[in-house]
Amino acid sequence: MSDALSDCGSDASHDGGQEDVMTPAELIEKLEEAWLNEKFSPELLSNRSEVVECVMEQLTHMEANLQRVKKGDAKASIHRMEIDRIRFVLSSYLRSRLQKIERFFPHVLEKEKSRGEGEPSLLSPEEFAFAKEYHANTETYLKAVALKRMPPNLQTVELLKAVPEPCLDSFVFLRVKEPQENILVEPETDDQREYVVDLEEGSQHLMRYRTISPLVSSGAVQLI
């Protein structure tokens, strides 16, 4: 895992429009950050398809290198454990996203439908197809099993109202990667007033997700 990735996992720089090349270690770090954020966030976050694709390419490269290692070499077992660890993180990340799509599919699709032009999609093309199919299958199942047996005035259901939304008021642990000033914290009760806090780099906090949601999206904080 020492070779630089020259054609994937790169981000455009702010000034010259050039791309910053990530090493494999940096790529895996990006995957782990996306995994933890997705795992601990109550809502579905924006997809990281570019990271997923590059990690899969890197795994293929690592598997090919492993085939060239002599049998009995102690390095082989270490490399195999690393490959298995990366596969676990990747699988867990994708599974967390699919579970949220299944749990909140009407809201996910509604958000996808209402996003502005040029606004990045929450879903990868594969996830979007899965969400639409899951929505259609759920409607078909409800009609076949329950709704057709109901009185005519009750034979329709609005899934957007029937399926609960993600609870953005749940609390999450986070670590600050970039210092933030004047973060508005909402009161717990009507008797309390709103107040602002400064988040120092490296500090850890327990806060309401809704408060720091934009910071998760921007990468300023990491859920833990």
C-alpha atoms as a PDB file:
ATOM      1  CA  MET A   1       0.000   0.000   0.000  1.00  0.00           C
ATOM      2  CA  SER A   2       2.789   2.392  -0.788  1.00  0.00           C
ATOM      3  CA  ASP A   3       2.032   3.285  -4.415  1.00  0.00           C
ATOM      4  CA  ALA A   4       0.158   6.507  -5.176  1.00  0.00           C
ATOM      5  CA  LEU A   5      -3.176   6.298  -6.926  1.00  0.00           C
ATOM      6  CA  SER A   6      -2.764   8.328 -10.082  1.00  0.00           C
ATOM      7  CA  ASP A   7      -6.189   8.084 -11.660  1.00  0.00           C
ATOM      8  CA  CYS A   8      -8.805   7.806  -8.924  1.00  0.00           C
ATOM      9  CA  GLY A   9      -9.712   9.032  -5.486  1.00  0.00           C
ATOM     10  CA  SER A  10      -8.561  12.541  -6.325  1.00  0.00           C
ATOM     11  CA  ASP A  11     -10.147  15.877  -5.488  1.00  0.00           C
ATOM     12  CA  ALA A  12      -9.984  19.062  -7.533  1.00  0.00           C
ATOM     13  CA  SER A  13      -7.884  21.747  -5.915  1.00  0.00           C
ATOM     14  CA  HIS A  14      -9.429  25.147  -5.241  1.00  0.00           C
ATOM     15  CA  ASP A  15      -6.979  27.292  -7.157  1.00  0.00           C
ATOM     16  CA  GLY A  16      -5.657  25.578 -10.255  1.00  0.00           C
ATOM     17  CA  GLY A  17      -8.364  23.037 -10.987  1.00  0.00           C
ATOM     18  CA  GLN A  18      -5.706  20.336 -10.782  1.00  0.00           C
ATOM     19  CA  GLU A  19      -6.336  17.067  -9.024  1.00  0.00           C
ATOM     20  CA  ASP A  20      -4.654  16.026  -5.781  1.00  0.00           C
ATOM     21  CA  VAL A  21      -3.458  12.442  -5.942  1.00  0.00           C
ATOM     22  CA  MET A  22      -4.175  10.305  -2.886  1.00  0.00           C
ATOM     23  CA  THR A  23      -1.961   7.513  -1.698  1.00  0.00           C
ATOM     24  CA  PRO A  24      -3.627   4.159  -0.910  1.00  0.00           C
ATOM     25  CA  ALA A  25      -3.296   4.914   2.800  1.00  0.00           C
ATOM     26  CA  GLU A  26      -5.105   8.240   2.354  1.00  0.00           C
ATOM     27  CA  LEU A  27      -7.775   6.520   0.280  1.00  0.00           C
ATOM     28  CA  ILE A  28      -8.452   3.943   2.995  1.00  0.00           C
ATOM     29  CA  GLU A  29      -8.594   6.766   5.541  1.00  0.00           C
ATOM     30  CA  LYS A  30     -11.274   8.456   3.398  1.00  0.00           C
ATOM     31  CA  LEU A  31     -13.236   5.209   3.328  1.00  0.00           C
ATOM     32  CA  GLU A  32     -13.018   4.808   7.100  1.00  0.00           C
ATOM     33  CA  GLU A  33     -14.192   8.398   7.623  1.00  0.00           C
ATOM     34  CA  ALA A  34     -17.161   7.849   5.298  1.00  0.00           C
ATOM     35  CA  TRP A  35     -17.926   4.551   7.052  1.00  0.00           C
ATOM     36  CA  LEU A  36     -17.974   6.045  10.570  1.00  0.00           C
ATOM     37  CA  ASN A  37     -19.999   9.066   9.482  1.00  0.00           C
ATOM     38  CA  GLU A  38     -22.562   6.844   7.762  1.00  0.00           C
ATOM     39  CA  LYS A  39     -22.648   4.396  10.654  1.00  0.00           C
ATOM     40  CA  PHE A  40     -23.346   7.019  13.312  1.00  0.00           C
ATOM     41  CA  SER A  41     -25.390   9.549  11.326  1.00  0.00           C
ATOM     42  CA  PRO A  42     -29.172   9.195  11.747  1.00  0.00           C
ATOM     43  CA  GLU A  43     -29.742  10.247   8.120  1.00  0.00           C
ATOM     44  CA  LEU A  44     -28.409   9.049   4.783  1.00  0.00           C
ATOM     45  CA  LEU A  45     -25.346  11.047   3.771  1.00  0.00           C
ATOM     46  CA  SER A  46     -24.133  11.872   0.275  1.00  0.00           C
ATOM     47  CA  ASN A  47     -22.708   8.860  -1.532  1.00  0.00           C
ATOM     48  CA  ARG A  48     -18.955   8.477  -1.841  1.00  0.00           C
ATOM     49  CA  SER A  49     -18.989   6.459  -5.045  1.00  0.00           C
ATOM     50  CA  GLU A  50     -15.592   7.741  -6.146  1.00  0.00           C
ATOM     51  CA  VAL A  51     -14.007   6.451  -2.929  1.00  0.00           C
ATOM     52  CA  VAL A  52     -15.810   3.110  -3.171  1.00  0.00           C
ATOM     53  CA  GLU A  53     -14.728   2.583  -6.773  1.00  0.00           C
ATOM     54  CA  CYS A  54     -11.112   3.455  -6.023  1.00  0.00           C
ATOM     55  CA  VAL A  55     -11.028   1.179  -2.970  1.00  0.00           C
ATOM     56  CA  MET A  56     -12.359  -1.691  -5.073  1.00  0.00           C
ATOM     57  CA  GLU A  57      -9.629  -1.017  -7.645  1.00  0.00           C
ATOM     58  CA  GLN A  58      -7.045  -0.925  -4.868  1.00  0.00           C
ATOM     59  CA  LEU A  59      -8.313  -4.243  -3.474  1.00  0.00           C
ATOM     60  CA  THR A  60      -7.956  -5.824  -6.900  1.00  0.00           C
ATOM     61  CA  HIS A  61      -4.403  -4.473  -7.087  1.00  0.00           C
ATOM     62  CA  MET A  62      -3.601  -5.806  -3.601  1.00  0.00           C
ATOM     63  CA  GLU A  63      -5.041  -9.233  -4.431  1.00  0.00           C
ATOM     64  CA  ALA A  64      -2.863  -9.379  -7.549  1.00  0.00           C
ATOM     65  CA  ASN A  65       0.228  -8.477  -5.527  1.00  0.00           C
ATOM     66  CA  LEU A  66      -0.644 -11.120  -2.958  1.00  0.00           C
ATOM     67  CA  GLN A  67      -0.667 -13.791  -5.651  1.00  0.00           C
ATOM     68  CA  ARG A  68       2.983 -13.013  -6.346  1.00  0.00           C
ATOM     69  CA  VAL A  69       4.063 -13.526  -2.747  1.00  0.00           C
ATOM     70  CA  LYS A  70       5.796 -16.845  -2.120  1.00  0.00           C
ATOM     71  CA  LYS A  71       3.844 -19.399  -0.143  1.00  0.00           C
ATOM     72  CA  GLY A  72       4.842 -19.473   3.492  1.00  0.00           C
ATOM     73  CA  ASP A  73       5.993 -15.849   3.486  1.00  0.00           C
ATOM     74  CA  ALA A  74       4.904 -14.186   6.728  1.00  0.00           C
ATOM     75  CA  LYS A  75       4.038 -11.048   4.783  1.00  0.00           C
ATOM     76  CA  ALA A  76       1.244 -12.922   2.989  1.00  0.00           C
ATOM     77  CA  SER A  77      -0.839 -13.420   6.143  1.00  0.00           C
ATOM     78  CA  ILE A  78      -0.377  -9.760   7.130  1.00  0.00           C
ATOM     79  CA  HIS A  79      -1.422  -8.565   3.687  1.00  0.00           C
ATOM     80  CA  ARG A  80      -4.405 -10.932   3.739  1.00  0.00           C
ATOM     81  CA  MET A  81      -5.587  -9.539   7.089  1.00  0.00           C
ATOM     82  CA  GLU A  82      -5.318  -6.000   5.726  1.00  0.00           C
ATOM     83  CA  ILE A  83      -7.333  -6.923   2.646  1.00  0.00           C
ATOM     84  CA  ASP A  84      -9.989  -8.582   4.814  1.00  0.00           C
ATOM     85  CA  ARG A  85     -10.120  -5.525   7.083  1.00  0.00           C
ATOM     86  CA  ILE A  86     -10.648  -3.168   4.146  1.00  0.00           C
ATOM     87  CA  ARG A  87     -13.325  -5.450   2.679  1.00  0.00           C
ATOM     88  CA  PHE A  88     -15.125  -5.460   6.034  1.00  0.00           C
ATOM     89  CA  VAL A  89     -15.127  -1.642   6.237  1.00  0.00           C
ATOM     90  CA  LEU A  90     -16.304  -1.334   2.631  1.00  0.00           C
ATOM     91  CA  SER A  91     -19.085  -3.906   3.104  1.00  0.00           C
ATOM     92  CA  SER A  92     -20.215  -2.323   6.370  1.00  0.00           C
ATOM     93  CA  TYR A  93     -20.328   1.125   4.744  1.00  0.00           C
ATOM     94  CA  LEU A  94     -22.455  -0.071   1.823  1.00  0.00           C
ATOM     95  CA  ARG A  95     -24.688  -2.141   4.117  1.00  0.00           C
ATOM     96  CA  SER A  96     -25.321   0.860   6.394  1.00  0.00           C
ATOM     97  CA  ARG A  97     -26.434   2.903   3.394  1.00  0.00           C
ATOM     98  CA  LEU A  98     -28.764   0.187   2.104  1.00  0.00           C
ATOM     99  CA  GLN A  99     -30.317  -0.224   5.549  1.00  0.00           C
ATOM    100  CA  LYS A 100     -31.065   3.503   5.712  1.00  0.00           C
ATOM    101  CA  ILE A 101     -32.526   3.467   2.208  1.00  0.00           C
ATOM    102  CA  GLU A 102     -34.839   0.613   3.235  1.00  0.00           C
ATOM    103  CA  ARG A 103     -35.804   2.392   6.463  1.00  0.00           C
ATOM    104  CA  PHE A 104     -36.413   5.837   4.981  1.00  0.00           C
ATOM    105  CA  PHE A 105     -37.003   5.114   1.273  1.00  0.00           C
ATOM    106  CA  PRO A 106     -39.945   7.535   0.680  1.00  0.00           C
ATOM    107  CA  HIS A 107     -38.004  10.430   2.210  1.00  0.00           C
ATOM    108  CA  VAL A 108     -34.806   9.498   0.394  1.00  0.00           C
ATOM    109  CA  LEU A 109     -36.612   9.453  -2.948  1.00  0.00           C
ATOM    110  CA  GLU A 110     -38.464  12.685  -2.175  1.00  0.00           C
ATOM    111  CA  LYS A 111     -35.189  14.410  -1.324  1.00  0.00           C
ATOM    112  CA  GLU A 112     -33.700  13.089  -4.545  1.00  0.00           C
ATOM    113  CA  LYS A 113     -36.667  14.390  -6.514  1.00  0.00           C
ATOM    114  CA  SER A 114     -36.532  17.862  -4.957  1.00  0.00           C
ATOM    115  CA  ARG A 115     -32.775  18.491  -5.164  1.00  0.00           C
ATOM    116  CA  GLY A 116     -31.748  21.526  -7.155  1.00  0.00           C
ATOM    117  CA  GLU A 117     -29.959  21.540 -10.463  1.00  0.00           C
ATOM    118  CA  GLY A 118     -26.256  20.955  -9.947  1.00  0.00           C
ATOM    119  CA  GLU A 119     -26.804  19.729  -6.386  1.00  0.00           C
ATOM    120  CA  PRO A 120     -25.019  16.384  -5.862  1.00  0.00           C
ATOM    121  CA  SER A 121     -27.181  13.297  -5.460  1.00  0.00           C
ATOM    122  CA  LEU A 122     -27.345  11.460  -2.156  1.00  0.00           C
ATOM    123  CA  LEU A 123     -27.555   8.182  -4.058  1.00  0.00           C
ATOM    124  CA  SER A 124     -25.314   6.371  -6.445  1.00  0.00           C
ATOM    125  CA  PRO A 125     -27.059   5.164  -9.644  1.00  0.00           C
ATOM    126  CA  GLU A 126     -27.231   1.653  -8.175  1.00  0.00           C
ATOM    127  CA  GLU A 127     -28.696   2.914  -4.906  1.00  0.00           C
ATOM    128  CA  PHE A 128     -31.255   5.035  -6.761  1.00  0.00           C
ATOM    129  CA  ALA A 129     -32.392   1.988  -8.750  1.00  0.00           C
ATOM    130  CA  PHE A 130     -32.586  -0.032  -5.521  1.00  0.00           C
ATOM    131  CA  ALA A 131     -34.639   2.667  -3.759  1.00  0.00           C
ATOM    132  CA  LYS A 132     -37.141   2.901  -6.628  1.00  0.00           C
ATOM    133  CA  GLU A 133     -37.508  -0.874  -6.811  1.00  0.00           C
ATOM    134  CA  TYR A 134     -37.933  -1.119  -3.033  1.00  0.00           C
ATOM    135  CA  HIS A 135     -40.616   1.588  -3.147  1.00  0.00           C
ATOM    136  CA  ALA A 136     -42.494  -0.170  -5.959  1.00  0.00           C
ATOM    137  CA  ASN A 137     -42.268  -3.574  -4.250  1.00  0.00           C
ATOM    138  CA  THR A 138     -43.500  -2.142  -0.954  1.00  0.00           C
ATOM    139  CA  GLU A 139     -46.528  -0.564  -2.629  1.00  0.00           C
ATOM    140  CA  THR A 140     -47.296  -3.793  -4.493  1.00  0.00           C
ATOM    141  CA  TYR A 141     -47.024  -5.839  -1.312  1.00  0.00           C
ATOM    142  CA  LEU A 142     -49.269  -3.512   0.683  1.00  0.00           C
ATOM    143  CA  LYS A 143     -51.928  -3.557  -2.028  1.00  0.00           C
ATOM    144  CA  ALA A 144     -51.837  -7.337  -2.409  1.00  0.00           C
ATOM    145  CA  VAL A 145     -51.798  -8.207   1.303  1.00  0.00           C
ATOM    146  CA  ALA A 146     -53.694  -5.469   3.098  1.00  0.00           C
ATOM    147  CA  LEU A 147     -55.123  -2.532   1.163  1.00  0.00           C
ATOM    148  CA  LYS A 148     -57.374  -4.518  -1.169  1.00  0.00           C
ATOM    149  CA  ARG A 149     -59.169  -5.920   1.891  1.00  0.00           C
ATOM    150  CA  MET A 150     -59.826  -2.460   3.291  1.00  0.00           C
ATOM    151  CA  PRO A 151     -62.885  -0.246   2.576  1.00  0.00           C
ATOM    152  CA  PRO A 152     -62.546   1.691  -0.707  1.00  0.00           C
ATOM    153  CA  ASN A 153     -61.788   4.968   1.081  1.00  0.00           C
ATOM    154  CA  LEU A 154     -58.829   3.336   2.880  1.00  0.00           C
ATOM    155  CA  GLN A 155     -57.230   1.540  -0.055  1.00  0.00           C
ATOM    156  CA  THR A 156     -54.507   4.132  -0.552  1.00  0.00           C
ATOM    157  CA  VAL A 157     -51.570   4.947   1.672  1.00  0.00           C
ATOM    158  CA  GLU A 158     -49.114   7.824   1.539  1.00  0.00           C
ATOM    159  CA  LEU A 159     -45.785   6.206   2.274  1.00  0.00           C
ATOM    160  CA  LEU A 160     -44.165   9.600   2.791  1.00  0.00           C
ATOM    161  CA  LYS A 161     -46.434  10.113   5.821  1.00  0.00           C
ATOM    162  CA  ALA A 162     -46.542   6.490   6.909  1.00  0.00           C
ATOM    163  CA  VAL A 163     -42.772   5.945   7.093  1.00  0.00           C
ATOM    164  CA  PRO A 164     -40.979   7.856   9.896  1.00  0.00           C
ATOM    165  CA  GLU A 165     -38.298  10.382   8.963  1.00  0.00           C
ATOM    166  CA  PRO A 166     -34.737  10.172  10.295  1.00  0.00           C
ATOM    167  CA  CYS A 167     -34.466  11.615  13.796  1.00  0.00           C
ATOM    168  CA  LEU A 168     -32.110  14.550  13.331  1.00  0.00           C
ATOM    169  CA  ASP A 169     -32.474  15.507  16.997  1.00  0.00           C
ATOM    170  CA  SER A 170     -30.619  12.411  18.186  1.00  0.00           C
ATOM    171  CA  PHE A 171     -27.254  12.966  19.849  1.00  0.00           C
ATOM    172  CA  VAL A 172     -23.948  11.888  18.323  1.00  0.00           C
ATOM    173  CA  PHE A 173     -20.312  11.839  19.399  1.00  0.00           C
ATOM    174  CA  LEU A 174     -17.926  13.785  17.213  1.00  0.00           C
ATOM    175  CA  ARG A 175     -14.305  14.781  16.896  1.00  0.00           C
ATOM    176  CA  VAL A 176     -13.420  18.217  15.506  1.00  0.00           C
ATOM    177  CA  LYS A 177     -11.062  18.178  12.509  1.00  0.00           C
ATOM    178  CA  GLU A 178     -11.249  21.888  11.706  1.00  0.00           C
ATOM    179  CA  PRO A 179     -11.838  24.586  14.370  1.00  0.00           C
ATOM    180  CA  GLN A 180     -15.310  26.119  14.303  1.00  0.00           C
ATOM    181  CA  GLU A 181     -16.593  29.298  15.924  1.00  0.00           C
ATOM    182  CA  ASN A 182     -20.052  30.429  17.018  1.00  0.00           C
ATOM    183  CA  ILE A 183     -21.894  27.126  16.563  1.00  0.00           C
ATOM    184  CA  LEU A 184     -25.497  27.745  17.609  1.00  0.00           C
ATOM    185  CA  VAL A 185     -26.746  25.148  20.093  1.00  0.00           C
ATOM    186  CA  GLU A 186     -30.494  24.789  20.469  1.00  0.00           C
ATOM    187  CA  PRO A 187     -31.980  24.669  23.982  1.00  0.00           C
ATOM    188  CA  GLU A 188     -33.100  21.380  25.523  1.00  0.00           C
ATOM    189  CA  THR A 189     -36.182  22.947  27.126  1.00  0.00           C
ATOM    190  CA  ASP A 190     -38.275  26.066  26.643  1.00  0.00           C
ATOM    191  CA  ASP A 191     -36.759  27.501  29.825  1.00  0.00           C
ATOM    192  CA  GLN A 192     -33.272  27.563  28.336  1.00  0.00           C
ATOM    193  CA  ARG A 193     -31.852  30.043  25.860  1.00  0.00           C
ATOM    194  CA  GLU A 194     -29.920  29.348  22.719  1.00  0.00           C
ATOM    195  CA  TYR A 195     -26.177  29.727  23.087  1.00  0.00           C
ATOM    196  CA  VAL A 196     -23.105  29.438  20.906  1.00  0.00           C
ATOM    197  CA  VAL A 197     -19.976  27.343  21.370  1.00  0.00           C
ATOM    198  CA  ASP A 198     -16.546  27.234  19.763  1.00  0.00           C
ATOM    199  CA  LEU A 199     -15.211  23.843  18.691  1.00  0.00           C
ATOM    200  CA  GLU A 200     -11.454  23.452  19.016  1.00  0.00           C
ATOM    201  CA  GLU A 201      -9.522  21.210  16.652  1.00  0.00           C
ATOM    202  CA  GLY A 202      -9.061  17.733  18.147  1.00  0.00           C
ATOM    203  CA  SER A 203     -11.752  18.203  20.801  1.00  0.00           C
ATOM    204  CA  GLN A 204     -14.551  15.675  21.209  1.00  0.00           C
ATOM    205  CA  HIS A 205     -18.187  16.455  21.940  1.00  0.00           C
ATOM    206  CA  LEU A 206     -21.647  14.958  22.362  1.00  0.00           C
ATOM    207  CA  MET A 207     -24.076  17.140  20.433  1.00  0.00           C
ATOM    208  CA  ARG A 208     -27.430  17.090  18.699  1.00  0.00           C
ATOM    209  CA  TYR A 209     -26.934  15.867  15.134  1.00  0.00           C
ATOM    210  CA  ARG A 210     -29.073  18.606  13.605  1.00  0.00           C
ATOM    211  CA  THR A 211     -26.660  21.217  14.996  1.00  0.00           C
ATOM    212  CA  ILE A 212     -23.550  19.785  13.352  1.00  0.00           C
ATOM    213  CA  SER A 213     -25.049  18.167  10.244  1.00  0.00           C
ATOM    214  CA  PRO A 214     -23.517  20.750   7.854  1.00  0.00           C
ATOM    215  CA  LEU A 215     -20.127  20.217   9.501  1.00  0.00           C
ATOM    216  CA  VAL A 216     -20.334  16.486   8.872  1.00  0.00           C
ATOM    217  CA  SER A 217     -21.090  17.117   5.203  1.00  0.00           C
ATOM    218  CA  SER A 218     -18.190  19.562   4.863  1.00  0.00           C
ATOM    219  CA  GLY A 219     -15.754  17.235   6.644  1.00  0.00           C
ATOM    220  CA  ALA A 220     -15.084  19.724   9.451  1.00  0.00           C
ATOM    221  CA  VAL A 221     -16.101  17.139  12.061  1.00  0.00           C
ATOM    222  CA  GLN A 222     -15.918  13.341  12.187  1.00  0.00           C
ATOM    223  CA  LEU A 223     -18.578  11.205  13.864  1.00  0.00           C
ATOM    224  CA  ILE A 224     -17.120   8.630  16.255  1.00  0.00           C
END
